[in-house]
Amino acid sequence: MSKAPHEHHSEDGQCAFPELCPLNQVEAGCFVKIRRLEASPEVSHRLREMGFCEDQQVRVVRQDDSVICQVCHARLGLSPELAGRIFVEPLGARRQPGKKAA
């Protein structure tokens, strides 16, 4: 059963499920940890080369025509389809700019 993008997270920006969410269904501003890549071996290899590897923490910067993520001090854009093949674990509520995480 497929859910609309906004059905996968709660009002505080966290994924509504404690398990994994596709990256294309995480709200902008959220921090996540990559847990699984389900793309072809060639695409998965390229993603890992760009820093989208298992256990890497990323921040979703923007969600619209593309999914913009900050990973390894760089911003990278992915198609929503490709981002849907990257499964992530939520790391908590959104952090406000200029404030340190507790």
PDB file of N, CA and C in Angstrom:
ATOM      1  N   MET A   1       0.838  -1.168   0.000  1.00  0.00           N
ATOM      2  CA  MET A   1       0.000   0.000   0.000  1.00  0.00           C
ATOM      3  C   MET A   1       0.887   1.236   0.000  1.00  0.00           C
ATOM      4  N   SER A   2       0.687   2.111  -0.944  1.00  0.00           N
ATOM      5  CA  SER A   2       1.478   3.328  -1.059  1.00  0.00           C
ATOM      6  C   SER A   2       0.804   4.464  -0.312  1.00  0.00           C
ATOM      7  N   LYS A   3       1.614   5.247   0.381  1.00  0.00           N
ATOM      8  CA  LYS A   3       1.083   6.376   1.139  1.00  0.00           C
ATOM      9  C   LYS A   3       1.536   7.668   0.495  1.00  0.00           C
ATOM     10  N   ALA A   4       0.747   8.708   0.659  1.00  0.00           N
ATOM     11  CA  ALA A   4       1.159  10.029   0.200  1.00  0.00           C
ATOM     12  C   ALA A   4       2.354  10.472   1.023  1.00  0.00           C
ATOM     13  N   PRO A   5       3.232  11.325   0.464  1.00  0.00           N
ATOM     14  CA  PRO A   5       4.448  11.710   1.182  1.00  0.00           C
ATOM     15  C   PRO A   5       4.204  12.219   2.588  1.00  0.00           C
ATOM     16  N   HIS A   6       3.184  13.008   2.810  1.00  0.00           N
ATOM     17  CA  HIS A   6       2.994  13.600   4.129  1.00  0.00           C
ATOM     18  C   HIS A   6       2.335  12.654   5.130  1.00  0.00           C
ATOM     19  N   GLU A   7       2.011  11.443   4.723  1.00  0.00           N
ATOM     20  CA  GLU A   7       1.445  10.479   5.665  1.00  0.00           C
ATOM     21  C   GLU A   7       2.539   9.709   6.402  1.00  0.00           C
ATOM     22  N   HIS A   8       3.812   9.907   6.029  1.00  0.00           N
ATOM     23  CA  HIS A   8       4.891   9.159   6.638  1.00  0.00           C
ATOM     24  C   HIS A   8       5.575   9.886   7.776  1.00  0.00           C
ATOM     25  N   HIS A   9       5.118  11.086   8.132  1.00  0.00           N
ATOM     26  CA  HIS A   9       5.762  11.785   9.229  1.00  0.00           C
ATOM     27  C   HIS A   9       4.724  12.507  10.054  1.00  0.00           C
ATOM     28  N   SER A  10       5.114  12.793  11.283  1.00  0.00           N
ATOM     29  CA  SER A  10       4.207  13.435  12.221  1.00  0.00           C
ATOM     30  C   SER A  10       4.381  14.941  12.167  1.00  0.00           C
ATOM     31  N   GLU A  11       3.604  15.656  12.981  1.00  0.00           N
ATOM     32  CA  GLU A  11       3.638  17.112  12.989  1.00  0.00           C
ATOM     33  C   GLU A  11       4.996  17.672  13.382  1.00  0.00           C
ATOM     34  N   ASP A  12       5.794  16.941  14.160  1.00  0.00           N
ATOM     35  CA  ASP A  12       7.093  17.455  14.589  1.00  0.00           C
ATOM     36  C   ASP A  12       8.208  17.138  13.600  1.00  0.00           C
ATOM     37  N   GLY A  13       7.864  16.612  12.416  1.00  0.00           N
ATOM     38  CA  GLY A  13       8.858  16.389  11.375  1.00  0.00           C
ATOM     39  C   GLY A  13       9.507  15.031  11.402  1.00  0.00           C
ATOM     40  N   GLN A  14       9.158  14.200  12.363  1.00  0.00           N
ATOM     41  CA  GLN A  14       9.736  12.868  12.433  1.00  0.00           C
ATOM     42  C   GLN A  14       8.898  11.910  11.604  1.00  0.00           C
ATOM     43  N   CYS A  15       9.540  10.872  11.137  1.00  0.00           N
ATOM     44  CA  CYS A  15       8.838   9.823  10.430  1.00  0.00           C
ATOM     45  C   CYS A  15       7.808   9.220  11.379  1.00  0.00           C
ATOM     46  N   ALA A  16       6.615   8.960  10.882  1.00  0.00           N
ATOM     47  CA  ALA A  16       5.548   8.431  11.725  1.00  0.00           C
ATOM     48  C   ALA A  16       5.817   6.985  12.139  1.00  0.00           C
ATOM     49  N   PHE A  17       6.725   6.318  11.443  1.00  0.00           N
ATOM     50  CA  PHE A  17       7.043   4.937  11.758  1.00  0.00           C
ATOM     51  C   PHE A  17       8.422   4.871  12.388  1.00  0.00           C
ATOM     52  N   PRO A  18       8.613   4.072  13.439  1.00  0.00           N
ATOM     53  CA  PRO A  18       9.921   4.000  14.083  1.00  0.00           C
ATOM     54  C   PRO A  18      10.945   3.273  13.220  1.00  0.00           C
ATOM     55  N   GLU A  19      10.476   2.514  12.223  1.00  0.00           N
ATOM     56  CA  GLU A  19      11.405   1.803  11.352  1.00  0.00           C
ATOM     57  C   GLU A  19      11.873   2.717  10.225  1.00  0.00           C
ATOM     58  N   LEU A  20      12.074   2.201   9.058  1.00  0.00           N
ATOM     59  CA  LEU A  20      12.667   2.961   7.958  1.00  0.00           C
ATOM     60  C   LEU A  20      11.627   3.673   7.099  1.00  0.00           C
ATOM     61  N   CYS A  21      12.045   4.816   6.561  1.00  0.00           N
ATOM     62  CA  CYS A  21      11.237   5.605   5.629  1.00  0.00           C
ATOM     63  C   CYS A  21      12.045   5.813   4.358  1.00  0.00           C
ATOM     64  N   PRO A  22      11.389   5.886   3.204  1.00  0.00           N
ATOM     65  CA  PRO A  22      12.122   6.287   2.005  1.00  0.00           C
ATOM     66  C   PRO A  22      12.531   7.753   2.137  1.00  0.00           C
ATOM     67  N   LEU A  23      13.700   8.096   1.638  1.00  0.00           N
ATOM     68  CA  LEU A  23      14.219   9.453   1.756  1.00  0.00           C
ATOM     69  C   LEU A  23      13.293  10.485   1.108  1.00  0.00           C
ATOM     70  N   ASN A  24      12.588  10.106   0.061  1.00  0.00           N
ATOM     71  CA  ASN A  24      11.716  11.063  -0.613  1.00  0.00           C
ATOM     72  C   ASN A  24      10.443  11.363   0.176  1.00  0.00           C
ATOM     73  N   GLN A  25      10.295  10.781   1.356  1.00  0.00           N
ATOM     74  CA  GLN A  25       9.108  11.025   2.166  1.00  0.00           C
ATOM     75  C   GLN A  25       9.450  11.594   3.536  1.00  0.00           C
ATOM     76  N   VAL A  26      10.603  12.224   3.624  1.00  0.00           N
ATOM     77  CA  VAL A  26      11.048  12.867   4.852  1.00  0.00           C
ATOM     78  C   VAL A  26      10.968  14.375   4.632  1.00  0.00           C
ATOM     79  N   GLU A  27      10.445  15.099   5.603  1.00  0.00           N
ATOM     80  CA  GLU A  27      10.294  16.541   5.468  1.00  0.00           C
ATOM     81  C   GLU A  27      11.631  17.265   5.429  1.00  0.00           C
ATOM     82  N   ALA A  28      11.642  18.386   4.736  1.00  0.00           N
ATOM     83  CA  ALA A  28      12.822  19.246   4.706  1.00  0.00           C
ATOM     84  C   ALA A  28      13.155  19.686   6.131  1.00  0.00           C
ATOM     85  N   GLY A  29      14.430  19.730   6.439  1.00  0.00           N
ATOM     86  CA  GLY A  29      14.894  20.124   7.764  1.00  0.00           C
ATOM     87  C   GLY A  29      15.178  18.957   8.683  1.00  0.00           C
ATOM     88  N   CYS A  30      14.758  17.761   8.314  1.00  0.00           N
ATOM     89  CA  CYS A  30      14.957  16.588   9.170  1.00  0.00           C
ATOM     90  C   CYS A  30      16.330  15.966   8.955  1.00  0.00           C
ATOM     91  N   PHE A  31      16.878  15.423  10.022  1.00  0.00           N
ATOM     92  CA  PHE A  31      18.126  14.678   9.994  1.00  0.00           C
ATOM     93  C   PHE A  31      17.789  13.199  10.013  1.00  0.00           C
ATOM     94  N   VAL A  32      18.461  12.443   9.156  1.00  0.00           N
ATOM     95  CA  VAL A  32      18.220  11.004   9.055  1.00  0.00           C
ATOM     96  C   VAL A  32      19.553  10.289   8.911  1.00  0.00           C
ATOM     97  N   LYS A  33      19.525   8.980   9.138  1.00  0.00           N
ATOM     98  CA  LYS A  33      20.697   8.133   8.919  1.00  0.00           C
ATOM     99  C   LYS A  33      20.327   7.127   7.837  1.00  0.00           C
ATOM    100  N   ILE A  34      21.165   7.031   6.844  1.00  0.00           N
ATOM    101  CA  ILE A  34      20.925   6.084   5.753  1.00  0.00           C
ATOM    102  C   ILE A  34      21.128   4.672   6.276  1.00  0.00           C
ATOM    103  N   ARG A  35      20.162   3.818   5.999  1.00  0.00           N
ATOM    104  CA  ARG A  35      20.226   2.433   6.470  1.00  0.00           C
ATOM    105  C   ARG A  35      20.297   1.416   5.340  1.00  0.00           C
ATOM    106  N   ARG A  36      19.673   1.727   4.182  1.00  0.00           N
ATOM    107  CA  ARG A  36      19.624   0.723   3.116  1.00  0.00           C
ATOM    108  C   ARG A  36      19.469   1.401   1.766  1.00  0.00           C
ATOM    109  N   LEU A  37      20.204   0.915   0.762  1.00  0.00           N
ATOM    110  CA  LEU A  37      20.061   1.369  -0.616  1.00  0.00           C
ATOM    111  C   LEU A  37      19.432   0.236  -1.407  1.00  0.00           C
ATOM    112  N   GLU A  38      18.371   0.538  -2.143  1.00  0.00           N
ATOM    113  CA  GLU A  38      17.693  -0.488  -2.929  1.00  0.00           C
ATOM    114  C   GLU A  38      17.694  -0.154  -4.415  1.00  0.00           C
ATOM    115  N   ALA A  39      18.769   0.451  -4.872  1.00  0.00           N
ATOM    116  CA  ALA A  39      18.945   0.749  -6.289  1.00  0.00           C
ATOM    117  C   ALA A  39      19.766  -0.376  -6.921  1.00  0.00           C
ATOM    118  N   SER A  40      19.964  -0.287  -8.231  1.00  0.00           N
ATOM    119  CA  SER A  40      20.797  -1.282  -8.915  1.00  0.00           C
ATOM    120  C   SER A  40      22.208  -1.228  -8.336  1.00  0.00           C
ATOM    121  N   PRO A  41      22.990  -2.283  -8.510  1.00  0.00           N
ATOM    122  CA  PRO A  41      24.357  -2.275  -7.977  1.00  0.00           C
ATOM    123  C   PRO A  41      25.183  -1.085  -8.489  1.00  0.00           C
ATOM    124  N   GLU A  42      25.019  -0.729  -9.765  1.00  0.00           N
ATOM    125  CA  GLU A  42      25.775   0.392 -10.325  1.00  0.00           C
ATOM    126  C   GLU A  42      25.370   1.712  -9.679  1.00  0.00           C
ATOM    127  N   VAL A  43      24.078   1.932  -9.521  1.00  0.00           N
ATOM    128  CA  VAL A  43      23.587   3.175  -8.922  1.00  0.00           C
ATOM    129  C   VAL A  43      23.939   3.214  -7.442  1.00  0.00           C
ATOM    130  N   SER A  44      23.800   2.099  -6.750  1.00  0.00           N
ATOM    131  CA  SER A  44      24.168   2.050  -5.328  1.00  0.00           C
ATOM    132  C   SER A  44      25.646   2.371  -5.140  1.00  0.00           C
ATOM    133  N   HIS A  45      26.480   1.844  -6.022  1.00  0.00           N
ATOM    134  CA  HIS A  45      27.920   2.132  -5.951  1.00  0.00           C
ATOM    135  C   HIS A  45      28.168   3.623  -6.129  1.00  0.00           C
ATOM    136  N   ARG A  46      27.509   4.235  -7.095  1.00  0.00           N
ATOM    137  CA  ARG A  46      27.687   5.677  -7.341  1.00  0.00           C
ATOM    138  C   ARG A  46      27.191   6.507  -6.164  1.00  0.00           C
ATOM    139  N   LEU A  47      26.048   6.115  -5.578  1.00  0.00           N
ATOM    140  CA  LEU A  47      25.535   6.815  -4.400  1.00  0.00           C
ATOM    141  C   LEU A  47      26.550   6.763  -3.261  1.00  0.00           C
ATOM    142  N   ARG A  48      27.136   5.592  -3.051  1.00  0.00           N
ATOM    143  CA  ARG A  48      28.136   5.454  -1.983  1.00  0.00           C
ATOM    144  C   ARG A  48      29.362   6.328  -2.261  1.00  0.00           C
ATOM    145  N   GLU A  49      29.764   6.417  -3.525  1.00  0.00           N
ATOM    146  CA  GLU A  49      30.889   7.287  -3.881  1.00  0.00           C
ATOM    147  C   GLU A  49      30.601   8.751  -3.552  1.00  0.00           C
ATOM    148  N   MET A  50      29.329   9.155  -3.663  1.00  0.00           N
ATOM    149  CA  MET A  50      28.940  10.542  -3.388  1.00  0.00           C
ATOM    150  C   MET A  50      28.674  10.787  -1.909  1.00  0.00           C
ATOM    151  N   GLY A  51      28.748   9.739  -1.081  1.00  0.00           N
ATOM    152  CA  GLY A  51      28.551   9.899   0.354  1.00  0.00           C
ATOM    153  C   GLY A  51      27.248   9.342   0.877  1.00  0.00           C
ATOM    154  N   PHE A  52      26.367   8.883  -0.004  1.00  0.00           N
ATOM    155  CA  PHE A  52      25.106   8.284   0.433  1.00  0.00           C
ATOM    156  C   PHE A  52      25.347   6.810   0.742  1.00  0.00           C
ATOM    157  N   CYS A  53      26.035   6.556   1.850  1.00  0.00           N
ATOM    158  CA  CYS A  53      26.347   5.183   2.232  1.00  0.00           C
ATOM    159  C   CYS A  53      25.664   4.856   3.557  1.00  0.00           C
ATOM    160  N   GLU A  54      25.569   3.577   3.835  1.00  0.00           N
ATOM    161  CA  GLU A  54      24.925   3.112   5.045  1.00  0.00           C
ATOM    162  C   GLU A  54      25.585   3.751   6.263  1.00  0.00           C
ATOM    163  N   ASP A  55      24.753   4.158   7.218  1.00  0.00           N
ATOM    164  CA  ASP A  55      25.136   4.785   8.485  1.00  0.00           C
ATOM    165  C   ASP A  55      25.558   6.249   8.353  1.00  0.00           C
ATOM    166  N   GLN A  56      25.500   6.810   7.146  1.00  0.00           N
ATOM    167  CA  GLN A  56      25.828   8.225   6.956  1.00  0.00           C
ATOM    168  C   GLN A  56      24.640   9.087   7.392  1.00  0.00           C
ATOM    169  N   GLN A  57      24.917  10.140   8.142  1.00  0.00           N
ATOM    170  CA  GLN A  57      23.870  11.085   8.541  1.00  0.00           C
ATOM    171  C   GLN A  57      23.732  12.144   7.456  1.00  0.00           C
ATOM    172  N   VAL A  58      22.496  12.438   7.068  1.00  0.00           N
ATOM    173  CA  VAL A  58      22.219  13.484   6.088  1.00  0.00           C
ATOM    174  C   VAL A  58      21.077  14.353   6.591  1.00  0.00           C
ATOM    175  N   ARG A  59      21.017  15.560   6.051  1.00  0.00           N
ATOM    176  CA  ARG A  59      19.901  16.458   6.355  1.00  0.00           C
ATOM    177  C   ARG A  59      19.156  16.719   5.060  1.00  0.00           C
ATOM    178  N   VAL A  60      17.849  16.573   5.099  1.00  0.00           N
ATOM    179  CA  VAL A  60      17.025  16.891   3.944  1.00  0.00           C
ATOM    180  C   VAL A  60      16.862  18.404   3.923  1.00  0.00           C
ATOM    181  N   VAL A  61      17.364  19.040   2.883  1.00  0.00           N
ATOM    182  CA  VAL A  61      17.326  20.491   2.765  1.00  0.00           C
ATOM    183  C   VAL A  61      16.026  20.940   2.117  1.00  0.00           C
ATOM    184  N   ARG A  62      15.622  20.232   1.059  1.00  0.00           N
ATOM    185  CA  ARG A  62      14.423  20.640   0.321  1.00  0.00           C
ATOM    186  C   ARG A  62      13.779  19.435  -0.344  1.00  0.00           C
ATOM    187  N   GLN A  63      12.463  19.451  -0.414  1.00  0.00           N
ATOM    188  CA  GLN A  63      11.675  18.422  -1.096  1.00  0.00           C
ATOM    189  C   GLN A  63      10.745  19.128  -2.071  1.00  0.00           C
ATOM    190  N   ASP A  64      10.967  18.993  -3.352  1.00  0.00           N
ATOM    191  CA  ASP A  64      10.015  19.476  -4.357  1.00  0.00           C
ATOM    192  C   ASP A  64      10.255  18.677  -5.631  1.00  0.00           C
ATOM    193  N   ASP A  65      10.629  19.314  -6.724  1.00  0.00           N
ATOM    194  CA  ASP A  65      10.895  18.561  -7.953  1.00  0.00           C
ATOM    195  C   ASP A  65      12.093  17.641  -7.808  1.00  0.00           C
ATOM    196  N   SER A  66      12.966  17.958  -6.867  1.00  0.00           N
ATOM    197  CA  SER A  66      14.094  17.092  -6.542  1.00  0.00           C
ATOM    198  C   SER A  66      14.251  17.079  -5.027  1.00  0.00           C
ATOM    199  N   VAL A  67      15.012  16.117  -4.551  1.00  0.00           N
ATOM    200  CA  VAL A  67      15.275  15.997  -3.122  1.00  0.00           C
ATOM    201  C   VAL A  67      16.710  16.482  -2.909  1.00  0.00           C
ATOM    202  N   ILE A  68      16.853  17.611  -2.211  1.00  0.00           N
ATOM    203  CA  ILE A  68      18.170  18.183  -1.949  1.00  0.00           C
ATOM    204  C   ILE A  68      18.579  17.778  -0.539  1.00  0.00           C
ATOM    205  N   CYS A  69      19.752  17.157  -0.437  1.00  0.00           N
ATOM    206  CA  CYS A  69      20.269  16.701   0.859  1.00  0.00           C
ATOM    207  C   CYS A  69      21.652  17.269   1.087  1.00  0.00           C
ATOM    208  N   GLN A  70      21.946  17.522   2.354  1.00  0.00           N
ATOM    209  CA  GLN A  70      23.307  17.886   2.728  1.00  0.00           C
ATOM    210  C   GLN A  70      23.964  16.624   3.260  1.00  0.00           C
ATOM    211  N   VAL A  71      25.058  16.248   2.627  1.00  0.00           N
ATOM    212  CA  VAL A  71      25.794  15.052   3.003  1.00  0.00           C
ATOM    213  C   VAL A  71      27.279  15.344   2.816  1.00  0.00           C
ATOM    214  N   CYS A  72      28.078  15.033   3.811  1.00  0.00           N
ATOM    215  CA  CYS A  72      29.526  15.231   3.739  1.00  0.00           C
ATOM    216  C   CYS A  72      29.881  16.661   3.332  1.00  0.00           C
ATOM    217  N   HIS A  73      29.265  17.652   3.938  1.00  0.00           N
ATOM    218  CA  HIS A  73      29.536  19.071   3.699  1.00  0.00           C
ATOM    219  C   HIS A  73      29.223  19.522   2.273  1.00  0.00           C
ATOM    220  N   ALA A  74      28.393  18.781   1.566  1.00  0.00           N
ATOM    221  CA  ALA A  74      27.987  19.154   0.211  1.00  0.00           C
ATOM    222  C   ALA A  74      26.480  18.963   0.086  1.00  0.00           C
ATOM    223  N   ARG A  75      25.887  19.733  -0.806  1.00  0.00           N
ATOM    224  CA  ARG A  75      24.464  19.552  -1.106  1.00  0.00           C
ATOM    225  C   ARG A  75      24.342  18.822  -2.425  1.00  0.00           C
ATOM    226  N   LEU A  76      23.540  17.772  -2.418  1.00  0.00           N
ATOM    227  CA  LEU A  76      23.338  16.958  -3.605  1.00  0.00           C
ATOM    228  C   LEU A  76      21.858  16.819  -3.893  1.00  0.00           C
ATOM    229  N   GLY A  77      21.503  16.863  -5.152  1.00  0.00           N
ATOM    230  CA  GLY A  77      20.113  16.698  -5.560  1.00  0.00           C
ATOM    231  C   GLY A  77      19.877  15.321  -6.140  1.00  0.00           C
ATOM    232  N   LEU A  78      18.747  14.744  -5.769  1.00  0.00           N
ATOM    233  CA  LEU A  78      18.347  13.427  -6.273  1.00  0.00           C
ATOM    234  C   LEU A  78      16.934  13.528  -6.837  1.00  0.00           C
ATOM    235  N   SER A  79      16.631  12.703  -7.794  1.00  0.00           N
ATOM    236  CA  SER A  79      15.247  12.631  -8.267  1.00  0.00           C
ATOM    237  C   SER A  79      14.408  12.002  -7.159  1.00  0.00           C
ATOM    238  N   PRO A  80      13.116  12.342  -7.084  1.00  0.00           N
ATOM    239  CA  PRO A  80      12.258  11.703  -6.078  1.00  0.00           C
ATOM    240  C   PRO A  80      12.232  10.182  -6.224  1.00  0.00           C
ATOM    241  N   GLU A  81      12.324   9.701  -7.468  1.00  0.00           N
ATOM    242  CA  GLU A  81      12.314   8.250  -7.687  1.00  0.00           C
ATOM    243  C   GLU A  81      13.546   7.592  -7.081  1.00  0.00           C
ATOM    244  N   LEU A  82      14.716   8.189  -7.305  1.00  0.00           N
ATOM    245  CA  LEU A  82      15.942   7.622  -6.737  1.00  0.00           C
ATOM    246  C   LEU A  82      15.933   7.755  -5.215  1.00  0.00           C
ATOM    247  N   ALA A  83      15.491   8.897  -4.706  1.00  0.00           N
ATOM    248  CA  ALA A  83      15.418   9.088  -3.250  1.00  0.00           C
ATOM    249  C   ALA A  83      14.476   8.073  -2.608  1.00  0.00           C
ATOM    250  N   GLY A  84      13.488   7.604  -3.354  1.00  0.00           N
ATOM    251  CA  GLY A  84      12.567   6.590  -2.853  1.00  0.00           C
ATOM    252  C   GLY A  84      13.211   5.226  -2.685  1.00  0.00           C
ATOM    253  N   ARG A  85      14.406   5.048  -3.225  1.00  0.00           N
ATOM    254  CA  ARG A  85      15.135   3.783  -3.099  1.00  0.00           C
ATOM    255  C   ARG A  85      16.204   3.835  -2.011  1.00  0.00           C
ATOM    256  N   ILE A  86      16.260   4.977  -1.305  1.00  0.00           N
ATOM    257  CA  ILE A  86      17.188   5.147  -0.194  1.00  0.00           C
ATOM    258  C   ILE A  86      16.361   5.132   1.088  1.00  0.00           C
ATOM    259  N   PHE A  87      16.566   4.137   1.927  1.00  0.00           N
ATOM    260  CA  PHE A  87      15.772   4.000   3.141  1.00  0.00           C
ATOM    261  C   PHE A  87      16.565   4.500   4.334  1.00  0.00           C
ATOM    262  N   VAL A  88      15.903   5.330   5.130  1.00  0.00           N
ATOM    263  CA  VAL A  88      16.574   6.050   6.203  1.00  0.00           C
ATOM    264  C   VAL A  88      15.859   5.850   7.533  1.00  0.00           C
ATOM    265  N   GLU A  89      16.608   6.102   8.581  1.00  0.00           N
ATOM    266  CA  GLU A  89      16.090   6.073   9.951  1.00  0.00           C
ATOM    267  C   GLU A  89      16.061   7.506  10.468  1.00  0.00           C
ATOM    268  N   PRO A  90      14.934   7.954  11.002  1.00  0.00           N
ATOM    269  CA  PRO A  90      14.873   9.311  11.539  1.00  0.00           C
ATOM    270  C   PRO A  90      15.786   9.461  12.745  1.00  0.00           C
ATOM    271  N   LEU A  91      16.418  10.640  12.880  1.00  0.00           N
ATOM    272  CA  LEU A  91      17.324  10.892  13.995  1.00  0.00           C
ATOM    273  C   LEU A  91      16.732  11.851  15.006  1.00  0.00           C
ATOM    274  N   GLY A  92      15.519  12.263  14.827  1.00  0.00           N
ATOM    275  CA  GLY A  92      14.904  13.167  15.796  1.00  0.00           C
ATOM    276  C   GLY A  92      14.279  14.364  15.120  1.00  0.00           C
ATOM    277  N   ALA A  93      13.757  15.242  15.950  1.00  0.00           N
ATOM    278  CA  ALA A  93      13.064  16.431  15.462  1.00  0.00           C
ATOM    279  C   ALA A  93      14.036  17.351  14.748  1.00  0.00           C
ATOM    280  N   ARG A  94      13.471  18.224  13.951  1.00  0.00           N
ATOM    281  CA  ARG A  94      14.269  19.207  13.225  1.00  0.00           C
ATOM    282  C   ARG A  94      15.027  20.103  14.182  1.00  0.00           C
ATOM    283  N   ARG A  95      16.241  20.433  13.806  1.00  0.00           N
ATOM    284  CA  ARG A  95      17.050  21.359  14.584  1.00  0.00           C
ATOM    285  C   ARG A  95      16.857  22.742  13.997  1.00  0.00           C
ATOM    286  N   GLN A  96      16.799  23.742  14.859  1.00  0.00           N
ATOM    287  CA  GLN A  96      16.652  25.107  14.379  1.00  0.00           C
ATOM    288  C   GLN A  96      18.012  25.665  14.026  1.00  0.00           C
ATOM    289  N   PRO A  97      18.092  26.441  12.925  1.00  0.00           N
ATOM    290  CA  PRO A  97      19.378  27.015  12.539  1.00  0.00           C
ATOM    291  C   PRO A  97      19.986  27.812  13.683  1.00  0.00           C
ATOM    292  N   GLY A  98      21.295  27.660  13.868  1.00  0.00           N
ATOM    293  CA  GLY A  98      22.002  28.406  14.903  1.00  0.00           C
ATOM    294  C   GLY A  98      21.930  27.799  16.284  1.00  0.00           C
ATOM    295  N   LYS A  99      21.173  26.723  16.452  1.00  0.00           N
ATOM    296  CA  LYS A  99      21.064  26.080  17.761  1.00  0.00           C
ATOM    297  C   LYS A  99      21.752  24.732  17.709  1.00  0.00           C
ATOM    298  N   LYS A 100      22.501  24.426  18.737  1.00  0.00           N
ATOM    299  CA  LYS A 100      23.175  23.144  18.831  1.00  0.00           C
ATOM    300  C   LYS A 100      22.206  22.072  19.297  1.00  0.00           C
ATOM    301  N   ALA A 101      22.421  20.867  18.810  1.00  0.00           N
ATOM    302  CA  ALA A 101      21.601  19.745  19.255  1.00  0.00           C
ATOM    303  C   ALA A 101      21.961  19.413  20.682  1.00  0.00           C
ATOM    304  N   ALA A 102      20.974  19.001  21.460  1.00  0.00           N
ATOM    305  CA  ALA A 102      21.222  18.655  22.869  1.00  0.00           C
ATOM    306  C   ALA A 102      21.840  17.282  22.975  1.00  0.00           C
TER     307      ALA A 102
END
